[in-house]
Amino acid sequence: MPDITKTDIGRRMYQLHKEKNVERIIEMMRQNLGADWKSFSDQDIHMLERLIGDAWVGFDKNLWEKIPFARMTKDDVSHLLAVGKFMDMDKTPRTQVMEDVRNVLLAVR
């Protein structure tokens, strides 16, 4: 069995914590949208997971706790997806993507 360092364990725990939070947020959004959720493709949902996961990593936790994910409308989700679709997530500077994501999420009422 390969040696596993405490650092490796810590990284994996962090990744699991991130994934769990992303799943929780996606579920809140899905429940709030009800039947409208079906209008989003699997590709859209994957993009949402990536955007939310990146935001979870990049945002200050105090800011994160203030975002009302459970109140997101179909338009809010569409705006968030537009950020991801408009930008090449692998080529656009992460700070620019996160700033645009932040603006969309902070506009949710």
PDB file of N, CA and C in Angstrom:
ATOM      1  N   MET A   1       0.854  -1.171   0.000  1.00  0.00           N
ATOM      2  CA  MET A   1       0.000   0.000   0.000  1.00  0.00           C
ATOM      3  C   MET A   1       0.902   1.236   0.000  1.00  0.00           C
ATOM      4  N   PRO A   2       0.574   2.203  -0.849  1.00  0.00           N
ATOM      5  CA  PRO A   2       1.424   3.398  -0.911  1.00  0.00           C
ATOM      6  C   PRO A   2       1.331   4.217   0.378  1.00  0.00           C
ATOM      7  N   ASP A   3       2.414   4.924   0.651  1.00  0.00           N
ATOM      8  CA  ASP A   3       2.413   5.809   1.813  1.00  0.00           C
ATOM      9  C   ASP A   3       1.483   6.986   1.535  1.00  0.00           C
ATOM     10  N   ILE A   4       0.646   7.275   2.488  1.00  0.00           N
ATOM     11  CA  ILE A   4      -0.264   8.404   2.378  1.00  0.00           C
ATOM     12  C   ILE A   4       0.110   9.382   3.478  1.00  0.00           C
ATOM     13  N   THR A   5       0.414  10.588   3.074  1.00  0.00           N
ATOM     14  CA  THR A   5       0.838  11.591   4.045  1.00  0.00           C
ATOM     15  C   THR A   5      -0.371  12.309   4.644  1.00  0.00           C
ATOM     16  N   LYS A   6      -0.134  12.965   5.739  1.00  0.00           N
ATOM     17  CA  LYS A   6      -1.192  13.771   6.351  1.00  0.00           C
ATOM     18  C   LYS A   6      -1.635  14.873   5.400  1.00  0.00           C
ATOM     19  N   THR A   7      -0.715  15.383   4.611  1.00  0.00           N
ATOM     20  CA  THR A   7      -1.052  16.407   3.621  1.00  0.00           C
ATOM     21  C   THR A   7      -2.019  15.838   2.595  1.00  0.00           C
ATOM     22  N   ASP A   8      -1.756  14.618   2.123  1.00  0.00           N
ATOM     23  CA  ASP A   8      -2.655  13.978   1.157  1.00  0.00           C
ATOM     24  C   ASP A   8      -4.043  13.779   1.760  1.00  0.00           C
ATOM     25  N   ILE A   9      -4.077  13.355   2.996  1.00  0.00           N
ATOM     26  CA  ILE A   9      -5.358  13.145   3.680  1.00  0.00           C
ATOM     27  C   ILE A   9      -6.086  14.476   3.827  1.00  0.00           C
ATOM     28  N   GLY A  10      -5.353  15.520   4.206  1.00  0.00           N
ATOM     29  CA  GLY A  10      -5.951  16.847   4.350  1.00  0.00           C
ATOM     30  C   GLY A  10      -6.520  17.363   3.045  1.00  0.00           C
ATOM     31  N   ARG A  11      -5.784  17.167   1.970  1.00  0.00           N
ATOM     32  CA  ARG A  11      -6.270  17.608   0.650  1.00  0.00           C
ATOM     33  C   ARG A  11      -7.542  16.866   0.260  1.00  0.00           C
ATOM     34  N   ARG A  12      -7.550  15.576   0.511  1.00  0.00           N
ATOM     35  CA  ARG A  12      -8.723  14.775   0.160  1.00  0.00           C
ATOM     36  C   ARG A  12      -9.932  15.164   1.015  1.00  0.00           C
ATOM     37  N   MET A  13      -9.707  15.415   2.286  1.00  0.00           N
ATOM     38  CA  MET A  13     -10.797  15.844   3.163  1.00  0.00           C
ATOM     39  C   MET A  13     -11.364  17.187   2.693  1.00  0.00           C
ATOM     40  N   TYR A  14     -10.477  18.096   2.305  1.00  0.00           N
ATOM     41  CA  TYR A  14     -10.903  19.404   1.796  1.00  0.00           C
ATOM     42  C   TYR A  14     -11.747  19.221   0.533  1.00  0.00           C
ATOM     43  N   GLN A  15     -11.286  18.361  -0.371  1.00  0.00           N
ATOM     44  CA  GLN A  15     -12.017  18.102  -1.601  1.00  0.00           C
ATOM     45  C   GLN A  15     -13.398  17.509  -1.301  1.00  0.00           C
ATOM     46  N   LEU A  16     -13.466  16.578  -0.367  1.00  0.00           N
ATOM     47  CA  LEU A  16     -14.750  15.980   0.001  1.00  0.00           C
ATOM     48  C   LEU A  16     -15.692  17.014   0.618  1.00  0.00           C
ATOM     49  N   HIS A  17     -15.142  17.883   1.459  1.00  0.00           N
ATOM     50  CA  HIS A  17     -15.939  18.936   2.079  1.00  0.00           C
ATOM     51  C   HIS A  17     -16.491  19.876   1.006  1.00  0.00           C
ATOM     52  N   LYS A  18     -15.665  20.229   0.050  1.00  0.00           N
ATOM     53  CA  LYS A  18     -16.089  21.084  -1.062  1.00  0.00           C
ATOM     54  C   LYS A  18     -17.208  20.404  -1.854  1.00  0.00           C
ATOM     55  N   GLU A  19     -17.003  19.150  -2.213  1.00  0.00           N
ATOM     56  CA  GLU A  19     -18.006  18.418  -2.999  1.00  0.00           C
ATOM     57  C   GLU A  19     -19.332  18.320  -2.248  1.00  0.00           C
ATOM     58  N   LYS A  20     -19.272  18.073  -0.955  1.00  0.00           N
ATOM     59  CA  LYS A  20     -20.490  17.975  -0.146  1.00  0.00           C
ATOM     60  C   LYS A  20     -21.233  19.308  -0.143  1.00  0.00           C
ATOM     61  N   ASN A  21     -20.506  20.408   0.000  1.00  0.00           N
ATOM     62  CA  ASN A  21     -21.148  21.725  -0.018  1.00  0.00           C
ATOM     63  C   ASN A  21     -21.738  22.047  -1.373  1.00  0.00           C
ATOM     64  N   VAL A  22     -21.044  21.698  -2.436  1.00  0.00           N
ATOM     65  CA  VAL A  22     -21.581  21.931  -3.783  1.00  0.00           C
ATOM     66  C   VAL A  22     -22.865  21.121  -3.965  1.00  0.00           C
ATOM     67  N   GLU A  23     -22.875  19.878  -3.557  1.00  0.00           N
ATOM     68  CA  GLU A  23     -24.080  19.047  -3.667  1.00  0.00           C
ATOM     69  C   GLU A  23     -25.238  19.656  -2.882  1.00  0.00           C
ATOM     70  N   ARG A  24     -24.946  20.171  -1.695  1.00  0.00           N
ATOM     71  CA  ARG A  24     -25.976  20.784  -0.853  1.00  0.00           C
ATOM     72  C   ARG A  24     -26.563  22.023  -1.541  1.00  0.00           C
ATOM     73  N   ILE A  25     -25.696  22.846  -2.128  1.00  0.00           N
ATOM     74  CA  ILE A  25     -26.147  24.062  -2.810  1.00  0.00           C
ATOM     75  C   ILE A  25     -26.985  23.707  -4.049  1.00  0.00           C
ATOM     76  N   ILE A  26     -26.513  22.766  -4.828  1.00  0.00           N
ATOM     77  CA  ILE A  26     -27.252  22.344  -6.028  1.00  0.00           C
ATOM     78  C   ILE A  26     -28.627  21.812  -5.633  1.00  0.00           C
ATOM     79  N   GLU A  27     -28.697  21.042  -4.566  1.00  0.00           N
ATOM     80  CA  GLU A  27     -29.979  20.498  -4.103  1.00  0.00           C
ATOM     81  C   GLU A  27     -30.915  21.628  -3.658  1.00  0.00           C
ATOM     82  N   MET A  28     -30.399  22.636  -2.966  1.00  0.00           N
ATOM     83  CA  MET A  28     -31.241  23.775  -2.569  1.00  0.00           C
ATOM     84  C   MET A  28     -31.801  24.477  -3.794  1.00  0.00           C
ATOM     85  N   MET A  29     -30.949  24.674  -4.792  1.00  0.00           N
ATOM     86  CA  MET A  29     -31.390  25.336  -6.014  1.00  0.00           C
ATOM     87  C   MET A  29     -32.439  24.488  -6.728  1.00  0.00           C
ATOM     88  N   ARG A  30     -32.186  23.194  -6.811  1.00  0.00           N
ATOM     89  CA  ARG A  30     -33.118  22.290  -7.488  1.00  0.00           C
ATOM     90  C   ARG A  30     -34.487  22.304  -6.813  1.00  0.00           C
ATOM     91  N   GLN A  31     -34.487  22.238  -5.492  1.00  0.00           N
ATOM     92  CA  GLN A  31     -35.758  22.245  -4.758  1.00  0.00           C
ATOM     93  C   GLN A  31     -36.506  23.559  -4.951  1.00  0.00           C
ATOM     94  N   ASN A  32     -35.784  24.664  -4.933  1.00  0.00           N
ATOM     95  CA  ASN A  32     -36.433  25.959  -5.095  1.00  0.00           C
ATOM     96  C   ASN A  32     -37.020  26.124  -6.496  1.00  0.00           C
ATOM     97  N   LEU A  33     -36.328  25.629  -7.496  1.00  0.00           N
ATOM     98  CA  LEU A  33     -36.791  25.803  -8.881  1.00  0.00           C
ATOM     99  C   LEU A  33     -37.892  24.835  -9.276  1.00  0.00           C
ATOM    100  N   GLY A  34     -37.988  23.720  -8.579  1.00  0.00           N
ATOM    101  CA  GLY A  34     -39.033  22.758  -8.895  1.00  0.00           C
ATOM    102  C   GLY A  34     -38.942  22.279 -10.333  1.00  0.00           C
ATOM    103  N   ALA A  35     -40.065  22.363 -11.061  1.00  0.00           N
ATOM    104  CA  ALA A  35     -40.128  21.872 -12.439  1.00  0.00           C
ATOM    105  C   ALA A  35     -39.200  22.645 -13.373  1.00  0.00           C
ATOM    106  N   ASP A  36     -38.894  23.902 -13.038  1.00  0.00           N
ATOM    107  CA  ASP A  36     -37.987  24.691 -13.884  1.00  0.00           C
ATOM    108  C   ASP A  36     -36.577  24.098 -13.931  1.00  0.00           C
ATOM    109  N   TRP A  37     -36.221  23.324 -12.927  1.00  0.00           N
ATOM    110  CA  TRP A  37     -34.881  22.721 -12.891  1.00  0.00           C
ATOM    111  C   TRP A  37     -34.651  21.837 -14.115  1.00  0.00           C
ATOM    112  N   LYS A  38     -35.719  21.212 -14.595  1.00  0.00           N
ATOM    113  CA  LYS A  38     -35.608  20.298 -15.738  1.00  0.00           C
ATOM    114  C   LYS A  38     -35.238  21.021 -17.031  1.00  0.00           C
ATOM    115  N   SER A  39     -35.337  22.337 -17.031  1.00  0.00           N
ATOM    116  CA  SER A  39     -34.975  23.085 -18.234  1.00  0.00           C
ATOM    117  C   SER A  39     -33.455  23.195 -18.408  1.00  0.00           C
ATOM    118  N   PHE A  40     -32.705  22.818 -17.380  1.00  0.00           N
ATOM    119  CA  PHE A  40     -31.248  22.861 -17.450  1.00  0.00           C
ATOM    120  C   PHE A  40     -30.702  21.484 -17.830  1.00  0.00           C
ATOM    121  N   SER A  41     -29.782  21.484 -18.760  1.00  0.00           N
ATOM    122  CA  SER A  41     -29.195  20.224 -19.246  1.00  0.00           C
ATOM    123  C   SER A  41     -28.186  19.680 -18.238  1.00  0.00           C
ATOM    124  N   ASP A  42     -27.770  18.442 -18.459  1.00  0.00           N
ATOM    125  CA  ASP A  42     -26.709  17.850 -17.625  1.00  0.00           C
ATOM    126  C   ASP A  42     -25.427  18.674 -17.737  1.00  0.00           C
ATOM    127  N   GLN A  43     -25.163  19.186 -18.923  1.00  0.00           N
ATOM    128  CA  GLN A  43     -23.981  20.025 -19.138  1.00  0.00           C
ATOM    129  C   GLN A  43     -24.097  21.324 -18.325  1.00  0.00           C
ATOM    130  N   ASP A  44     -25.306  21.895 -18.287  1.00  0.00           N
ATOM    131  CA  ASP A  44     -25.533  23.101 -17.481  1.00  0.00           C
ATOM    132  C   ASP A  44     -25.276  22.817 -16.000  1.00  0.00           C
ATOM    133  N   ILE A  45     -25.778  21.709 -15.533  1.00  0.00           N
ATOM    134  CA  ILE A  45     -25.624  21.354 -14.115  1.00  0.00           C
ATOM    135  C   ILE A  45     -24.155  21.108 -13.793  1.00  0.00           C
ATOM    136  N   HIS A  46     -23.449  20.479 -14.704  1.00  0.00           N
ATOM    137  CA  HIS A  46     -22.007  20.278 -14.500  1.00  0.00           C
ATOM    138  C   HIS A  46     -21.290  21.629 -14.421  1.00  0.00           C
ATOM    139  N   MET A  47     -21.678  22.566 -15.282  1.00  0.00           N
ATOM    140  CA  MET A  47     -21.090  23.904 -15.254  1.00  0.00           C
ATOM    141  C   MET A  47     -21.403  24.591 -13.922  1.00  0.00           C
ATOM    142  N   LEU A  48     -22.647  24.470 -13.457  1.00  0.00           N
ATOM    143  CA  LEU A  48     -23.017  25.044 -12.160  1.00  0.00           C
ATOM    144  C   LEU A  48     -22.157  24.462 -11.040  1.00  0.00           C
ATOM    145  N   GLU A  49     -21.981  23.147 -11.062  1.00  0.00           N
ATOM    146  CA  GLU A  49     -21.160  22.501 -10.034  1.00  0.00           C
ATOM    147  C   GLU A  49     -19.737  23.058 -10.041  1.00  0.00           C
ATOM    148  N   ARG A  50     -19.202  23.259 -11.220  1.00  0.00           N
ATOM    149  CA  ARG A  50     -17.835  23.779 -11.318  1.00  0.00           C
ATOM    150  C   ARG A  50     -17.765  25.223 -10.830  1.00  0.00           C
ATOM    151  N   LEU A  51     -18.718  26.050 -11.264  1.00  0.00           N
ATOM    152  CA  LEU A  51     -18.724  27.453 -10.850  1.00  0.00           C
ATOM    153  C   LEU A  51     -18.909  27.591  -9.337  1.00  0.00           C
ATOM    154  N   ILE A  52     -19.831  26.827  -8.796  1.00  0.00           N
ATOM    155  CA  ILE A  52     -20.090  26.898  -7.362  1.00  0.00           C
ATOM    156  C   ILE A  52     -18.907  26.347  -6.572  1.00  0.00           C
ATOM    157  N   GLY A  53     -18.312  25.275  -7.070  1.00  0.00           N
ATOM    158  CA  GLY A  53     -17.131  24.721  -6.410  1.00  0.00           C
ATOM    159  C   GLY A  53     -15.971  25.706  -6.392  1.00  0.00           C
ATOM    160  N   ASP A  54     -15.744  26.367  -7.519  1.00  0.00           N
ATOM    161  CA  ASP A  54     -14.680  27.380  -7.582  1.00  0.00           C
ATOM    162  C   ASP A  54     -14.987  28.549  -6.654  1.00  0.00           C
ATOM    163  N   ALA A  55     -16.261  28.928  -6.596  1.00  0.00           N
ATOM    164  CA  ALA A  55     -16.657  30.016  -5.700  1.00  0.00           C
ATOM    165  C   ALA A  55     -16.461  29.612  -4.243  1.00  0.00           C
ATOM    166  N   TRP A  56     -16.803  28.387  -3.915  1.00  0.00           N
ATOM    167  CA  TRP A  56     -16.633  27.904  -2.536  1.00  0.00           C
ATOM    168  C   TRP A  56     -15.174  27.994  -2.111  1.00  0.00           C
ATOM    169  N   VAL A  57     -14.290  27.654  -3.031  1.00  0.00           N
ATOM    170  CA  VAL A  57     -12.857  27.723  -2.736  1.00  0.00           C
ATOM    171  C   VAL A  57     -12.388  29.171  -2.655  1.00  0.00           C
ATOM    172  N   GLY A  58     -12.874  30.021  -3.559  1.00  0.00           N
ATOM    173  CA  GLY A  58     -12.322  31.361  -3.701  1.00  0.00           C
ATOM    174  C   GLY A  58     -12.944  32.448  -2.850  1.00  0.00           C
ATOM    175  N   PHE A  59     -14.174  32.242  -2.408  1.00  0.00           N
ATOM    176  CA  PHE A  59     -14.858  33.287  -1.659  1.00  0.00           C
ATOM    177  C   PHE A  59     -14.505  33.217  -0.183  1.00  0.00           C
ATOM    178  N   ASP A  60     -14.502  34.371   0.444  1.00  0.00           N
ATOM    179  CA  ASP A  60     -14.399  34.453   1.890  1.00  0.00           C
ATOM    180  C   ASP A  60     -15.624  33.751   2.480  1.00  0.00           C
ATOM    181  N   LYS A  61     -15.429  32.999   3.530  1.00  0.00           N
ATOM    182  CA  LYS A  61     -16.533  32.214   4.108  1.00  0.00           C
ATOM    183  C   LYS A  61     -17.663  33.084   4.637  1.00  0.00           C
ATOM    184  N   ASN A  62     -17.352  34.291   5.129  1.00  0.00           N
ATOM    185  CA  ASN A  62     -18.412  35.196   5.586  1.00  0.00           C
ATOM    186  C   ASN A  62     -19.298  35.617   4.410  1.00  0.00           C
ATOM    187  N   LEU A  63     -18.686  35.876   3.273  1.00  0.00           N
ATOM    188  CA  LEU A  63     -19.437  36.220   2.066  1.00  0.00           C
ATOM    189  C   LEU A  63     -20.268  35.019   1.615  1.00  0.00           C
ATOM    190  N   TRP A  64     -19.652  33.853   1.607  1.00  0.00           N
ATOM    191  CA  TRP A  64     -20.321  32.634   1.173  1.00  0.00           C
ATOM    192  C   TRP A  64     -21.620  32.397   1.948  1.00  0.00           C
ATOM    193  N   GLU A  65     -21.553  32.594   3.252  1.00  0.00           N
ATOM    194  CA  GLU A  65     -22.720  32.342   4.106  1.00  0.00           C
ATOM    195  C   GLU A  65     -23.870  33.316   3.841  1.00  0.00           C
ATOM    196  N   LYS A  66     -23.597  34.438   3.222  1.00  0.00           N
ATOM    197  CA  LYS A  66     -24.624  35.448   2.957  1.00  0.00           C
ATOM    198  C   LYS A  66     -25.364  35.227   1.642  1.00  0.00           C
ATOM    199  N   ILE A  67     -24.880  34.322   0.817  1.00  0.00           N
ATOM    200  CA  ILE A  67     -25.503  34.109  -0.498  1.00  0.00           C
ATOM    201  C   ILE A  67     -26.752  33.242  -0.330  1.00  0.00           C
ATOM    202  N   PRO A  68     -27.920  33.751  -0.750  1.00  0.00           N
ATOM    203  CA  PRO A  68     -29.172  33.012  -0.568  1.00  0.00           C
ATOM    204  C   PRO A  68     -29.434  31.994  -1.690  1.00  0.00           C
ATOM    205  N   PHE A  69     -28.635  30.945  -1.733  1.00  0.00           N
ATOM    206  CA  PHE A  69     -28.760  29.956  -2.799  1.00  0.00           C
ATOM    207  C   PHE A  69     -30.166  29.373  -2.891  1.00  0.00           C
ATOM    208  N   ALA A  70     -30.828  29.191  -1.769  1.00  0.00           N
ATOM    209  CA  ALA A  70     -32.161  28.583  -1.757  1.00  0.00           C
ATOM    210  C   ALA A  70     -33.216  29.498  -2.372  1.00  0.00           C
ATOM    211  N   ARG A  71     -32.882  30.747  -2.619  1.00  0.00           N
ATOM    212  CA  ARG A  71     -33.830  31.686  -3.229  1.00  0.00           C
ATOM    213  C   ARG A  71     -33.508  31.981  -4.677  1.00  0.00           C
ATOM    214  N   MET A  72     -32.541  31.286  -5.240  1.00  0.00           N
ATOM    215  CA  MET A  72     -32.170  31.555  -6.632  1.00  0.00           C
ATOM    216  C   MET A  72     -33.306  31.192  -7.576  1.00  0.00           C
ATOM    217  N   THR A  73     -33.571  32.096  -8.496  1.00  0.00           N
ATOM    218  CA  THR A  73     -34.610  31.878  -9.496  1.00  0.00           C
ATOM    219  C   THR A  73     -33.993  31.244 -10.746  1.00  0.00           C
ATOM    220  N   LYS A  74     -34.853  30.881 -11.660  1.00  0.00           N
ATOM    221  CA  LYS A  74     -34.377  30.351 -12.933  1.00  0.00           C
ATOM    222  C   LYS A  74     -33.511  31.383 -13.643  1.00  0.00           C
ATOM    223  N   ASP A  75     -33.901  32.644 -13.589  1.00  0.00           N
ATOM    224  CA  ASP A  75     -33.101  33.709 -14.206  1.00  0.00           C
ATOM    225  C   ASP A  75     -31.731  33.843 -13.528  1.00  0.00           C
ATOM    226  N   ASP A  76     -31.694  33.727 -12.200  1.00  0.00           N
ATOM    227  CA  ASP A  76     -30.419  33.799 -11.485  1.00  0.00           C
ATOM    228  C   ASP A  76     -29.479  32.683 -11.935  1.00  0.00           C
ATOM    229  N   VAL A  77     -30.031  31.482 -12.030  1.00  0.00           N
ATOM    230  CA  VAL A  77     -29.221  30.339 -12.464  1.00  0.00           C
ATOM    231  C   VAL A  77     -28.769  30.537 -13.908  1.00  0.00           C
ATOM    232  N   SER A  78     -29.658  31.045 -14.740  1.00  0.00           N
ATOM    233  CA  SER A  78     -29.297  31.306 -16.141  1.00  0.00           C
ATOM    234  C   SER A  78     -28.187  32.346 -16.251  1.00  0.00           C
ATOM    235  N   HIS A  79     -28.246  33.382 -15.419  1.00  0.00           N
ATOM    236  CA  HIS A  79     -27.183  34.396 -15.411  1.00  0.00           C
ATOM    237  C   HIS A  79     -25.853  33.777 -14.978  1.00  0.00           C
ATOM    238  N   LEU A  80     -25.905  32.932 -13.976  1.00  0.00           N
ATOM    239  CA  LEU A  80     -24.684  32.268 -13.510  1.00  0.00           C
ATOM    240  C   LEU A  80     -24.113  31.374 -14.612  1.00  0.00           C
ATOM    241  N   LEU A  81     -24.970  30.647 -15.276  1.00  0.00           N
ATOM    242  CA  LEU A  81     -24.515  29.791 -16.375  1.00  0.00           C
ATOM    243  C   LEU A  81     -23.949  30.622 -17.521  1.00  0.00           C
ATOM    244  N   ALA A  82     -24.529  31.790 -17.764  1.00  0.00           N
ATOM    245  CA  ALA A  82     -24.037  32.652 -18.833  1.00  0.00           C
ATOM    246  C   ALA A  82     -22.594  33.067 -18.568  1.00  0.00           C
ATOM    247  N   VAL A  83     -22.244  33.291 -17.309  1.00  0.00           N
ATOM    248  CA  VAL A  83     -20.859  33.624 -16.961  1.00  0.00           C
ATOM    249  C   VAL A  83     -19.939  32.487 -17.386  1.00  0.00           C
ATOM    250  N   GLY A  84     -20.313  31.263 -17.034  1.00  0.00           N
ATOM    251  CA  GLY A  84     -19.489  30.118 -17.380  1.00  0.00           C
ATOM    252  C   GLY A  84     -19.422  29.851 -18.867  1.00  0.00           C
ATOM    253  N   LYS A  85     -20.529  30.057 -19.550  1.00  0.00           N
ATOM    254  CA  LYS A  85     -20.555  29.792 -20.990  1.00  0.00           C
ATOM    255  C   LYS A  85     -19.836  30.885 -21.780  1.00  0.00           C
ATOM    256  N   PHE A  86     -19.934  32.119 -21.292  1.00  0.00           N
ATOM    257  CA  PHE A  86     -19.306  33.236 -21.986  1.00  0.00           C
ATOM    258  C   PHE A  86     -17.786  33.164 -21.898  1.00  0.00           C
ATOM    259  N   MET A  87     -17.301  32.701 -20.767  1.00  0.00           N
ATOM    260  CA  MET A  87     -15.856  32.658 -20.544  1.00  0.00           C
ATOM    261  C   MET A  87     -15.333  31.253 -20.756  1.00  0.00           C
ATOM    262  N   ASP A  88     -14.182  31.157 -21.319  1.00  0.00           N
ATOM    263  CA  ASP A  88     -13.503  29.872 -21.409  1.00  0.00           C
ATOM    264  C   ASP A  88     -12.863  29.657 -20.038  1.00  0.00           C
ATOM    265  N   MET A  89     -13.482  28.803 -19.248  1.00  0.00           N
ATOM    266  CA  MET A  89     -13.068  28.642 -17.851  1.00  0.00           C
ATOM    267  C   MET A  89     -11.621  28.202 -17.703  1.00  0.00           C
ATOM    268  N   ASP A  90     -11.086  27.576 -18.724  1.00  0.00           N
ATOM    269  CA  ASP A  90      -9.703  27.109 -18.641  1.00  0.00           C
ATOM    270  C   ASP A  90      -8.698  28.150 -19.129  1.00  0.00           C
ATOM    271  N   LYS A  91      -9.181  29.188 -19.806  1.00  0.00           N
ATOM    272  CA  LYS A  91      -8.265  30.194 -20.348  1.00  0.00           C
ATOM    273  C   LYS A  91      -8.440  31.571 -19.720  1.00  0.00           C
ATOM    274  N   THR A  92      -9.642  31.893 -19.289  1.00  0.00           N
ATOM    275  CA  THR A  92      -9.900  33.187 -18.675  1.00  0.00           C
ATOM    276  C   THR A  92      -9.287  33.200 -17.279  1.00  0.00           C
ATOM    277  N   PRO A  93      -8.645  34.289 -16.910  1.00  0.00           N
ATOM    278  CA  PRO A  93      -8.072  34.349 -15.555  1.00  0.00           C
ATOM    279  C   PRO A  93      -9.133  34.057 -14.491  1.00  0.00           C
ATOM    280  N   ARG A  94      -8.769  33.203 -13.565  1.00  0.00           N
ATOM    281  CA  ARG A  94      -9.700  32.768 -12.525  1.00  0.00           C
ATOM    282  C   ARG A  94     -10.291  33.956 -11.765  1.00  0.00           C
ATOM    283  N   THR A  95      -9.479  34.980 -11.539  1.00  0.00           N
ATOM    284  CA  THR A  95      -9.978  36.139 -10.794  1.00  0.00           C
ATOM    285  C   THR A  95     -11.119  36.830 -11.543  1.00  0.00           C
ATOM    286  N   GLN A  96     -11.045  36.876 -12.851  1.00  0.00           N
ATOM    287  CA  GLN A  96     -12.116  37.494 -13.640  1.00  0.00           C
ATOM    288  C   GLN A  96     -13.389  36.656 -13.561  1.00  0.00           C
ATOM    289  N   VAL A  97     -13.244  35.341 -13.700  1.00  0.00           N
ATOM    290  CA  VAL A  97     -14.410  34.449 -13.621  1.00  0.00           C
ATOM    291  C   VAL A  97     -15.061  34.589 -12.253  1.00  0.00           C
ATOM    292  N   MET A  98     -14.255  34.559 -11.193  1.00  0.00           N
ATOM    293  CA  MET A  98     -14.805  34.622  -9.839  1.00  0.00           C
ATOM    294  C   MET A  98     -15.449  35.974  -9.549  1.00  0.00           C
ATOM    295  N   GLU A  99     -14.912  37.027 -10.101  1.00  0.00           N
ATOM    296  CA  GLU A  99     -15.526  38.348  -9.914  1.00  0.00           C
ATOM    297  C   GLU A  99     -16.908  38.387 -10.555  1.00  0.00           C
ATOM    298  N   ASP A 100     -17.029  37.837 -11.751  1.00  0.00           N
ATOM    299  CA  ASP A 100     -18.327  37.798 -12.425  1.00  0.00           C
ATOM    300  C   ASP A 100     -19.306  36.884 -11.690  1.00  0.00           C
ATOM    301  N   VAL A 101     -18.836  35.738 -11.222  1.00  0.00           N
ATOM    302  CA  VAL A 101     -19.685  34.828 -10.440  1.00  0.00           C
ATOM    303  C   VAL A 101     -20.141  35.532  -9.161  1.00  0.00           C
ATOM    304  N   ARG A 102     -19.214  36.203  -8.516  1.00  0.00           N
ATOM    305  CA  ARG A 102     -19.529  36.934  -7.273  1.00  0.00           C
ATOM    306  C   ARG A 102     -20.624  37.963  -7.533  1.00  0.00           C
ATOM    307  N   ASN A 103     -20.507  38.723  -8.611  1.00  0.00           N
ATOM    308  CA  ASN A 103     -21.513  39.736  -8.927  1.00  0.00           C
ATOM    309  C   ASN A 103     -22.895  39.132  -9.139  1.00  0.00           C
ATOM    310  N   VAL A 104     -22.949  38.008  -9.819  1.00  0.00           N
ATOM    311  CA  VAL A 104     -24.244  37.344 -10.049  1.00  0.00           C
ATOM    312  C   VAL A 104     -24.809  36.846  -8.729  1.00  0.00           C
ATOM    313  N   LEU A 105     -23.991  36.179  -7.920  1.00  0.00           N
ATOM    314  CA  LEU A 105     -24.500  35.600  -6.670  1.00  0.00           C
ATOM    315  C   LEU A 105     -24.912  36.664  -5.658  1.00  0.00           C
ATOM    316  N   LEU A 106     -24.188  37.769  -5.623  1.00  0.00           N
ATOM    317  CA  LEU A 106     -24.553  38.829  -4.678  1.00  0.00           C
ATOM    318  C   LEU A 106     -25.794  39.602  -5.112  1.00  0.00           C
ATOM    319  N   ALA A 107     -26.178  39.452  -6.369  1.00  0.00           N
ATOM    320  CA  ALA A 107     -27.394  40.114  -6.863  1.00  0.00           C
ATOM    321  C   ALA A 107     -28.658  39.319  -6.526  1.00  0.00           C
ATOM    322  N   VAL A 108     -28.512  38.085  -6.068  1.00  0.00           N
ATOM    323  CA  VAL A 108     -29.669  37.247  -5.717  1.00  0.00           C
ATOM    324  C   VAL A 108     -30.350  37.859  -4.494  1.00  0.00           C
ATOM    325  N   ARG A 109     -31.637  37.988  -4.580  1.00  0.00           N
ATOM    326  CA  ARG A 109     -32.414  38.569  -3.462  1.00  0.00           C
ATOM    327  C   ARG A 109     -33.380  37.584  -2.950  1.00  0.00           C
TER     328      ARG A 109
END
